[in-house]
Amino acid sequence: MDLQGSPAGAEVRAPGSERTPVTGYLAVLLATGCWASSGVFINLIMTGSEVSALALAFWRDLFTFGLLAVGLALWRPAWLRVDRRDLKWLAGLGGIGLGTFHVLWNLNVILNGVAVATVQQAAMPATVAALAWLLWREPLTWHKVVAIILTFAGAVLVSGPEALGEMRLTGPALLVGVATPVTYAAYSLFGKPLAARYSPLTILTYGFGFAVLLLLPFQFFTQQPWPVPRQSWLWFAALLALGTIIPFTSYTFALSRLPASVAGILAMTEIPFAAVYAYLLLGERFTSTHFFGAILVVLGVLLLSWGRWHGGGRGAGTSA
């Protein structure tokens, strides 16, 4: 991906000391802490109304796009200008990394179940690390490899070890299972070069716009709930703010401070966050196996941080 140069109207990030990796780490943790809450809000919305997962994904993306577009038009209209050459990358980020991922995630849950889909999604860091090495020659250090192994093992334990035994070997289930982490990884891969040139809000506005365009045709074959219960609107507003706009903005910001592979590994902290939220807010079980899995994810993140500061490379955004 060649995204060098500075388009008119783009906000260019000046290199230097402001690109501190610590800021990027904290931004990813903020993102995953918020992303994990989305499962709670989605559960509450779908329990309180008859909306389907596919319809909810569409309306979530549509409202997010509308809020971002109107907000930027009123606050920073210059941020809505992008170079035409970058539209294909924004379309990839939104169409593949947001829209297609949402569709595949819903299909994966239907075909394989939530636990299996979560484990398959945890293959995302390895996908990002491999592609980032091939595309941009990001170093694939032993710290990253071990961190990927630890976070994947932790994801399996948090989701339930029995999930691996529940994987279905049918063609559609396997195809969706493989495609899900690839499309999930696409957000980091397309977002990384764009993050160096545009505001995170600019990237998200166009990204969610393209996601809406991709999901729109599916809505003609999907049940649309109406009227929506008042309580569900409250949970939907929380999903937009805490589960979508804040975490995606924070994660996109982090991509301008960290290598895509590092951000992808750190993103796995969403899984233990989600398990804790489900235990505290939804009354789901949190066993010693879940706790040990969460510890493995944390260890993977700590190893990544240790490798970053002890021989893994000290140039911000270059290695870890």
Protein backbone atom coordinates (compact mmCIF):
# COMPACT_ATOMS: atom_id res chain seq x y z
CA MET A 1 0.00 0.00 0.00
CA ASP A 2 1.57 3.23 -1.09
CA LEU A 3 0.01 6.06 0.83
CA GLN A 4 2.87 8.50 0.87
CA GLY A 5 2.43 12.18 0.20
CA SER A 6 0.11 14.77 1.66
CA PRO A 7 -3.30 15.34 0.11
CA ALA A 8 -5.00 18.70 0.27
CA GLY A 9 -7.36 19.01 3.19
CA ALA A 10 -5.83 16.08 5.07
CA GLU A 11 -4.57 16.55 8.58
CA VAL A 12 -0.95 15.47 8.48
CA ARG A 13 0.63 14.08 11.61
CA ALA A 14 4.04 15.60 12.21
CA PRO A 15 6.64 13.02 13.18
CA GLY A 16 8.45 13.46 16.43
CA SER A 17 8.13 13.00 20.11
CA GLU A 18 4.35 13.31 20.15
CA ARG A 19 4.11 9.82 18.64
CA THR A 20 4.70 8.16 21.99
CA PRO A 21 3.99 4.42 22.10
CA VAL A 22 2.61 4.70 25.65
CA THR A 23 -0.16 6.92 24.36
CA GLY A 24 -0.93 4.32 21.71
CA TYR A 25 -1.04 1.50 24.28
CA LEU A 26 -3.46 3.46 26.47
CA ALA A 27 -5.60 4.34 23.46
CA VAL A 28 -5.97 0.67 22.48
CA LEU A 29 -6.84 -0.31 26.06
CA LEU A 30 -9.48 2.44 26.16
CA ALA A 31 -10.83 1.13 22.86
CA THR A 32 -11.01 -2.49 23.99
CA GLY A 33 -12.53 -1.55 27.34
CA CYS A 34 -15.31 0.27 25.47
CA TRP A 35 -15.65 -2.31 22.68
CA ALA A 36 -16.21 -5.02 25.27
CA SER A 37 -19.26 -3.14 26.56
CA SER A 38 -20.90 -3.44 23.13
CA GLY A 39 -21.71 -7.10 23.81
CA VAL A 40 -23.67 -6.09 26.90
CA PHE A 41 -25.61 -3.40 25.06
CA ILE A 42 -26.28 -5.67 22.06
CA ASN A 43 -27.57 -8.34 24.43
CA LEU A 44 -29.90 -5.84 26.10
CA ILE A 45 -31.13 -4.46 22.76
CA MET A 46 -31.82 -7.85 21.20
CA THR A 47 -33.46 -9.12 24.38
CA GLY A 48 -35.77 -6.11 24.59
CA SER A 49 -36.70 -5.94 20.91
CA GLU A 50 -37.10 -8.18 17.87
CA VAL A 51 -34.24 -6.69 15.88
CA SER A 52 -32.01 -9.14 14.02
CA ALA A 53 -28.23 -9.10 14.32
CA LEU A 54 -27.86 -8.01 10.68
CA ALA A 55 -30.37 -5.18 11.01
CA LEU A 56 -28.76 -4.00 14.23
CA ALA A 57 -25.34 -3.89 12.54
CA PHE A 58 -26.79 -1.75 9.74
CA TRP A 59 -28.57 0.73 12.01
CA ARG A 60 -25.52 0.92 14.26
CA ASP A 61 -23.30 1.81 11.29
CA LEU A 62 -25.87 4.19 9.79
CA PHE A 63 -26.41 6.20 12.98
CA THR A 64 -22.67 6.29 13.63
CA PHE A 65 -22.02 7.59 10.12
CA GLY A 66 -24.77 10.19 10.45
CA LEU A 67 -23.52 11.49 13.80
CA LEU A 68 -19.92 11.69 12.62
CA ALA A 69 -20.77 13.33 9.29
CA VAL A 70 -23.05 15.97 10.83
CA GLY A 71 -20.61 16.58 13.68
CA LEU A 72 -17.65 17.16 11.37
CA ALA A 73 -19.72 19.26 8.96
CA LEU A 74 -20.60 21.61 11.83
CA TRP A 75 -17.34 21.47 13.78
CA ARG A 76 -14.48 20.80 11.35
CA PRO A 77 -15.77 20.73 7.76
CA ALA A 78 -12.19 20.73 6.43
CA TRP A 79 -11.75 17.26 7.89
CA LEU A 80 -14.33 15.91 5.45
CA ARG A 81 -11.99 16.55 2.51
CA VAL A 82 -9.86 13.61 1.46
CA ASP A 83 -7.70 12.89 -1.53
CA ARG A 84 -9.51 10.90 -4.20
CA ARG A 85 -6.60 8.48 -4.30
CA ASP A 86 -7.39 7.49 -0.72
CA LEU A 87 -11.04 6.66 -1.33
CA LYS A 88 -10.15 3.10 -2.35
CA TRP A 89 -8.37 2.57 0.99
CA LEU A 90 -11.25 4.14 2.93
CA ALA A 91 -13.63 1.92 0.97
CA GLY A 92 -11.54 -1.12 1.91
CA LEU A 93 -11.49 -0.12 5.56
CA GLY A 94 -15.24 0.48 5.67
CA GLY A 95 -16.46 -2.13 3.22
CA ILE A 96 -14.19 -4.96 4.38
CA GLY A 97 -13.01 -4.01 7.88
CA LEU A 98 -16.43 -2.80 9.08
CA GLY A 99 -19.30 -3.83 6.81
CA THR A 100 -18.11 -7.25 5.64
CA PHE A 101 -16.75 -8.08 9.07
CA HIS A 102 -20.10 -7.30 10.69
CA VAL A 103 -21.89 -9.56 8.20
CA LEU A 104 -19.39 -12.40 8.62
CA TRP A 105 -19.41 -12.04 12.39
CA ASN A 106 -23.19 -12.44 12.44
CA LEU A 107 -22.98 -15.44 10.09
CA ASN A 108 -20.19 -16.94 12.17
CA VAL A 109 -22.27 -16.69 15.32
CA ILE A 110 -25.21 -18.35 13.51
CA LEU A 111 -23.12 -21.14 11.96
CA ASN A 112 -20.58 -21.79 14.73
CA GLY A 113 -21.89 -20.16 17.90
CA VAL A 114 -20.52 -17.26 19.94
CA ALA A 115 -17.73 -19.21 21.66
CA VAL A 116 -16.29 -20.64 18.45
CA ALA A 117 -16.63 -17.30 16.63
CA THR A 118 -14.73 -15.56 19.43
CA VAL A 119 -11.88 -18.07 19.26
CA GLN A 120 -11.70 -17.72 15.47
CA GLN A 121 -11.71 -13.93 15.79
CA ALA A 122 -8.70 -14.24 18.09
CA ALA A 123 -6.66 -15.31 15.06
CA MET A 124 -6.73 -11.64 13.99
CA PRO A 125 -3.39 -10.61 15.62
CA ALA A 126 -1.50 -13.34 13.76
CA THR A 127 -3.16 -12.28 10.50
CA VAL A 128 -2.25 -8.62 11.05
CA ALA A 129 1.31 -9.43 12.09
CA ALA A 130 1.91 -11.63 9.03
CA LEU A 131 0.39 -9.19 6.54
CA ALA A 132 2.09 -6.16 8.16
CA TRP A 133 5.41 -7.99 7.81
CA LEU A 134 4.71 -8.74 4.14
CA LEU A 135 3.34 -5.28 3.25
CA TRP A 136 5.41 -2.90 5.37
CA ARG A 137 8.21 -5.09 6.73
CA GLU A 138 7.13 -4.55 10.32
CA PRO A 139 9.51 -6.69 12.42
CA LEU A 140 8.06 -10.06 13.40
CA THR A 141 9.97 -10.45 16.68
CA TRP A 142 9.81 -13.35 19.12
CA HIS A 143 7.99 -11.05 21.57
CA LYS A 144 5.16 -10.65 19.06
CA VAL A 145 5.00 -14.36 18.27
CA VAL A 146 4.82 -15.40 21.93
CA ALA A 147 2.35 -12.59 22.69
CA ILE A 148 0.11 -13.84 19.85
CA ILE A 149 0.27 -17.40 21.23
CA LEU A 150 -0.54 -16.25 24.78
CA THR A 151 -3.44 -14.03 23.74
CA PHE A 152 -4.90 -16.74 21.49
CA ALA A 153 -4.64 -19.35 24.25
CA GLY A 154 -6.23 -16.88 26.65
CA ALA A 155 -9.07 -16.25 24.20
CA VAL A 156 -9.73 -20.00 23.97
CA LEU A 157 -9.91 -20.32 27.77
CA VAL A 158 -12.10 -17.24 28.23
CA SER A 159 -14.48 -18.44 25.49
CA GLY A 160 -14.42 -21.98 26.88
CA PRO A 161 -12.01 -24.79 25.84
CA GLU A 162 -15.01 -26.83 24.69
CA ALA A 163 -15.45 -24.30 21.89
CA LEU A 164 -12.65 -25.94 19.89
CA GLY A 165 -14.53 -29.23 19.99
CA GLU A 166 -17.70 -27.52 18.75
CA MET A 167 -16.19 -26.29 15.48
CA ARG A 168 -18.20 -27.52 12.53
CA LEU A 169 -16.29 -28.85 9.55
CA THR A 170 -18.89 -27.96 6.93
CA GLY A 171 -17.73 -25.90 3.96
CA PRO A 172 -19.69 -22.71 4.74
CA ALA A 173 -18.77 -22.80 8.45
CA LEU A 174 -15.06 -23.22 7.70
CA LEU A 175 -15.10 -20.51 5.01
CA VAL A 176 -16.82 -18.00 7.28
CA GLY A 177 -14.55 -18.99 10.17
CA VAL A 178 -11.42 -18.28 8.12
CA ALA A 179 -12.76 -15.08 6.57
CA THR A 180 -13.89 -13.52 9.87
CA PRO A 181 -10.43 -12.79 11.36
CA VAL A 182 -9.13 -11.71 7.93
CA THR A 183 -11.83 -9.05 7.57
CA TYR A 184 -11.36 -8.09 11.22
CA ALA A 185 -7.66 -7.59 10.49
CA ALA A 186 -8.48 -5.44 7.44
CA TYR A 187 -9.46 -2.52 9.66
CA SER A 188 -5.95 -2.32 11.12
CA LEU A 189 -4.26 -2.93 7.78
CA PHE A 190 -6.22 -0.29 5.87
CA GLY A 191 -6.34 2.08 8.82
CA LYS A 192 -2.61 2.06 9.60
CA PRO A 193 -1.39 4.10 6.58
CA LEU A 194 -4.47 6.35 6.64
CA ALA A 195 -4.01 7.14 10.33
CA ALA A 196 -0.76 8.95 9.60
CA ARG A 197 -2.53 11.43 7.33
CA TYR A 198 -6.08 12.00 8.53
CA SER A 199 -7.91 12.64 11.76
CA PRO A 200 -9.42 9.44 13.23
CA LEU A 201 -12.85 11.06 12.91
CA THR A 202 -12.31 11.59 9.17
CA ILE A 203 -11.34 7.95 8.68
CA LEU A 204 -14.31 6.72 10.71
CA THR A 205 -16.81 8.93 8.91
CA TYR A 206 -15.85 7.57 5.50
CA GLY A 207 -15.34 4.05 6.86
CA PHE A 208 -18.81 3.81 8.35
CA GLY A 209 -20.25 5.47 5.25
CA PHE A 210 -18.85 2.69 3.05
CA ALA A 211 -19.99 0.09 5.60
CA VAL A 212 -23.55 1.42 5.33
CA LEU A 213 -23.43 1.17 1.54
CA LEU A 214 -22.33 -2.45 1.77
CA LEU A 215 -24.94 -3.46 4.38
CA LEU A 216 -27.86 -1.59 2.78
CA PRO A 217 -28.81 -4.27 0.20
CA PHE A 218 -29.11 -6.91 2.93
CA GLN A 219 -31.78 -4.88 4.71
CA PHE A 220 -34.36 -5.64 2.02
CA PHE A 221 -34.24 -9.28 3.15
CA THR A 222 -33.98 -8.62 6.89
CA GLN A 223 -36.80 -8.08 9.36
CA GLN A 224 -36.85 -4.48 10.58
CA PRO A 225 -38.35 -3.94 14.05
CA TRP A 226 -40.88 -1.15 14.56
CA PRO A 227 -41.79 0.39 16.88
CA VAL A 228 -38.64 0.13 18.96
CA PRO A 229 -39.17 0.03 22.75
CA ARG A 230 -38.07 3.18 24.56
CA GLN A 231 -35.60 1.27 26.73
CA SER A 232 -33.95 -0.19 23.64
CA TRP A 233 -33.30 3.32 22.31
CA LEU A 234 -31.38 4.05 25.52
CA TRP A 235 -29.22 0.94 25.10
CA PHE A 236 -28.76 1.78 21.42
CA ALA A 237 -27.49 5.27 22.31
CA ALA A 238 -25.02 3.69 24.74
CA LEU A 239 -23.94 1.25 22.02
CA LEU A 240 -23.26 4.13 19.64
CA ALA A 241 -21.29 6.20 22.16
CA LEU A 242 -19.45 3.65 24.33
CA GLY A 243 -19.41 0.65 22.00
CA THR A 244 -18.71 2.34 18.68
CA ILE A 245 -17.65 5.99 18.36
CA ILE A 246 -15.30 6.24 21.35
CA PRO A 247 -13.48 2.90 20.83
CA PHE A 248 -13.13 3.17 17.04
CA THR A 249 -11.82 6.73 17.38
CA SER A 250 -9.38 5.68 20.08
CA TYR A 251 -8.15 2.62 18.16
CA THR A 252 -7.71 4.57 14.92
CA PHE A 253 -5.74 7.18 16.87
CA ALA A 254 -3.56 4.38 18.28
CA LEU A 255 -2.72 3.18 14.75
CA SER A 256 -0.83 6.44 14.20
CA ARG A 257 1.30 5.68 17.29
CA LEU A 258 1.83 1.93 17.04
CA PRO A 259 2.64 -0.72 14.42
CA ALA A 260 -0.52 -2.41 13.13
CA SER A 261 0.67 -5.78 14.47
CA VAL A 262 1.13 -4.39 17.99
CA ALA A 263 -2.30 -2.71 17.97
CA GLY A 264 -3.85 -5.98 16.75
CA ILE A 265 -2.35 -7.99 19.62
CA LEU A 266 -3.39 -5.39 22.18
CA ALA A 267 -6.93 -5.47 20.78
CA MET A 268 -7.32 -8.98 22.21
CA THR A 269 -7.70 -7.43 25.67
CA GLU A 270 -11.31 -6.91 24.57
CA ILE A 271 -11.99 -10.60 25.30
CA PRO A 272 -11.26 -10.60 29.07
CA PHE A 273 -12.95 -7.19 29.38
CA ALA A 274 -16.08 -8.67 27.79
CA ALA A 275 -16.00 -11.70 30.11
CA VAL A 276 -15.77 -9.48 33.19
CA TYR A 277 -18.60 -7.22 31.96
CA ALA A 278 -20.80 -10.23 31.23
CA TYR A 279 -20.15 -11.54 34.76
CA LEU A 280 -20.80 -8.21 36.49
CA LEU A 281 -23.70 -6.93 34.38
CA LEU A 282 -25.38 -9.97 32.83
CA GLY A 283 -24.81 -12.53 35.56
CA GLU A 284 -22.82 -14.92 33.36
CA ARG A 285 -20.37 -17.34 34.98
CA PHE A 286 -16.73 -16.38 35.44
CA THR A 287 -14.83 -19.53 36.37
CA SER A 288 -11.20 -20.15 37.28
CA THR A 289 -10.62 -21.19 33.65
CA HIS A 290 -11.93 -17.83 32.47
CA PHE A 291 -9.71 -16.09 35.01
CA PHE A 292 -6.62 -18.01 33.87
CA GLY A 293 -7.44 -17.17 30.24
CA ALA A 294 -7.68 -13.49 31.12
CA ILE A 295 -4.29 -13.72 32.86
CA LEU A 296 -2.73 -15.22 29.71
CA VAL A 297 -4.05 -12.32 27.61
CA VAL A 298 -2.63 -9.83 30.11
CA LEU A 299 0.71 -11.67 30.11
CA GLY A 300 0.80 -11.48 26.33
CA VAL A 301 0.24 -7.72 26.48
CA LEU A 302 2.90 -7.30 29.20
CA LEU A 303 5.38 -9.34 27.16
CA LEU A 304 4.66 -7.14 24.17
CA SER A 305 5.30 -4.04 26.28
CA TRP A 306 8.50 -5.53 27.71
CA GLY A 307 9.75 -6.41 24.24
CA ARG A 308 8.94 -2.89 23.08
CA TRP A 309 11.25 -1.33 25.66
CA HIS A 310 13.96 -4.01 25.91
CA GLY A 311 15.48 -4.60 22.53
CA GLY A 312 12.28 -4.72 20.48
CA GLY A 313 13.00 -1.35 18.89
CA ARG A 314 12.47 2.12 20.29
CA GLY A 315 11.34 4.01 17.22
CA ALA A 316 7.69 4.83 17.69
CA GLY A 317 5.56 3.11 15.16
CA THR A 318 8.36 1.01 13.73
CA SER A 319 8.74 -2.10 15.79
CA ALA A 320 7.81 -3.78 18.98
